[in-house]
Amino acid sequence: FTEMPTDNFVESSFWNFDALFQPQQHPARDQHDTFFLLDPAEAPQLPPGYSSKVKKVHSQGGYGSQGYRYEWKVEEAKKNLLRTHTTSASARALFQLARQ
């Protein structure tokens, strides 16, 4: 057992919501007491190959899912916020492990 790092308190909407397949227009994004940042307002970049897969699943489906059938927006995914839960840290850790 190795504890994963959870000390990144500023997170992008991509890791906090999109990578966990919560639709961009879902009201639960507001119910988490989400506080968006003004400076820096956006993440510098998202993982290119992975973010395109997440976009496809949101908008068209995949892996047995029909998706949410909406236009997924990278501008929304890049918004920085104060992390609302540690599951985003799990998503990042699993992504890094898969790349190894």
Protein backbone atom coordinates (compact mmCIF):
# COMPACT_ATOMS: atom_id res chain seq x y z
CA PHE A 1 0.00 0.00 0.00
CA THR A 2 1.30 3.42 -0.96
CA GLU A 3 -0.58 6.58 -0.17
CA MET A 4 -1.18 8.73 -3.21
CA PRO A 5 -0.43 12.46 -3.15
CA THR A 6 -3.48 14.55 -2.28
CA ASP A 7 -1.78 17.89 -1.66
CA ASN A 8 -2.95 19.54 -4.88
CA PHE A 9 -5.84 21.62 -3.64
CA VAL A 10 -6.28 23.51 -6.91
CA GLU A 11 -7.65 21.22 -9.60
CA SER A 12 -8.98 21.59 -13.11
CA SER A 13 -12.62 20.86 -13.85
CA PHE A 14 -11.31 18.14 -16.14
CA TRP A 15 -9.84 16.05 -13.31
CA ASN A 16 -12.43 17.07 -10.72
CA PHE A 17 -15.50 16.37 -12.89
CA ASP A 18 -14.94 15.47 -16.57
CA ALA A 19 -12.52 12.56 -16.07
CA LEU A 20 -15.05 11.16 -13.58
CA PHE A 21 -17.73 11.46 -16.30
CA GLN A 22 -19.92 14.03 -14.60
CA PRO A 23 -21.63 16.01 -17.40
CA GLN A 24 -20.54 19.63 -17.74
CA GLN A 25 -24.08 20.95 -17.29
CA HIS A 26 -24.95 18.67 -14.35
CA PRO A 27 -26.30 20.53 -11.28
CA ALA A 28 -24.16 18.40 -8.95
CA ARG A 29 -21.17 20.46 -10.07
CA ASP A 30 -22.68 23.38 -8.17
CA GLN A 31 -23.90 21.29 -5.23
CA HIS A 32 -20.31 20.35 -4.34
CA ASP A 33 -19.65 23.91 -3.12
CA THR A 34 -17.49 24.50 -6.16
CA PHE A 35 -15.27 27.57 -5.93
CA PHE A 36 -13.71 28.56 -9.25
CA LEU A 37 -10.44 30.50 -9.26
CA LEU A 38 -9.71 33.79 -10.95
CA ASP A 39 -5.91 33.47 -10.86
CA PRO A 40 -4.94 31.14 -12.40
CA ALA A 41 -8.36 30.75 -13.99
CA GLU A 42 -7.40 27.89 -16.30
CA ALA A 43 -5.20 24.83 -16.30
CA PRO A 44 -2.29 25.30 -18.70
CA GLN A 45 -3.08 22.09 -20.58
CA LEU A 46 -4.98 18.83 -20.36
CA PRO A 47 -3.53 15.42 -21.23
CA PRO A 48 -4.08 15.50 -25.03
CA GLY A 49 -4.83 11.86 -25.83
CA TYR A 50 -6.79 11.20 -22.67
CA SER A 51 -8.86 14.39 -22.79
CA SER A 52 -9.96 13.55 -26.35
CA LYS A 53 -11.12 10.11 -25.15
CA VAL A 54 -13.03 11.70 -22.26
CA LYS A 55 -14.58 14.19 -24.70
CA LYS A 56 -15.69 11.37 -27.00
CA VAL A 57 -17.33 9.39 -24.19
CA HIS A 58 -19.16 12.52 -22.95
CA SER A 59 -20.41 13.54 -26.38
CA GLN A 60 -20.74 10.28 -28.34
CA GLY A 61 -20.35 7.46 -25.85
CA GLY A 62 -18.00 4.50 -25.85
CA TYR A 63 -17.09 1.36 -23.93
CA GLY A 64 -20.75 0.28 -23.98
CA SER A 65 -22.11 3.75 -23.11
CA GLN A 66 -24.19 5.97 -25.37
CA GLY A 67 -22.68 9.07 -23.75
CA TYR A 68 -24.52 12.20 -22.69
CA ARG A 69 -24.99 13.46 -26.28
CA TYR A 70 -23.91 17.07 -25.76
CA GLU A 71 -21.10 19.30 -26.99
CA TRP A 72 -18.24 18.83 -24.51
CA LYS A 73 -16.25 22.05 -24.15
CA VAL A 74 -12.53 22.14 -23.41
CA GLU A 75 -12.96 25.70 -22.04
CA GLU A 76 -15.20 24.31 -19.29
CA ALA A 77 -12.79 21.45 -18.58
CA LYS A 78 -9.82 23.81 -18.17
CA LYS A 79 -11.47 25.95 -15.46
CA ASN A 80 -9.51 25.79 -12.22
CA LEU A 81 -11.28 25.29 -8.92
CA LEU A 82 -10.63 24.37 -5.34
CA ARG A 83 -10.75 20.57 -5.37
CA THR A 84 -14.18 19.43 -4.14
CA HIS A 85 -13.21 15.83 -3.30
CA THR A 86 -10.16 13.53 -3.38
CA THR A 87 -11.55 11.27 -6.10
CA SER A 88 -9.89 13.58 -8.62
CA ALA A 89 -6.55 12.64 -7.04
CA SER A 90 -7.46 8.97 -7.59
CA ALA A 91 -8.23 9.67 -11.25
CA ARG A 92 -4.86 11.39 -11.70
CA ALA A 93 -3.01 8.56 -9.92
CA LEU A 94 -4.69 5.88 -12.03
CA PHE A 95 -3.93 7.85 -15.20
CA GLN A 96 -0.24 8.05 -14.22
CA LEU A 97 -0.12 4.33 -13.38
CA ALA A 98 -1.68 3.45 -16.74
CA ARG A 99 1.00 5.48 -18.53
CA GLN A 100 3.82 3.52 -16.85
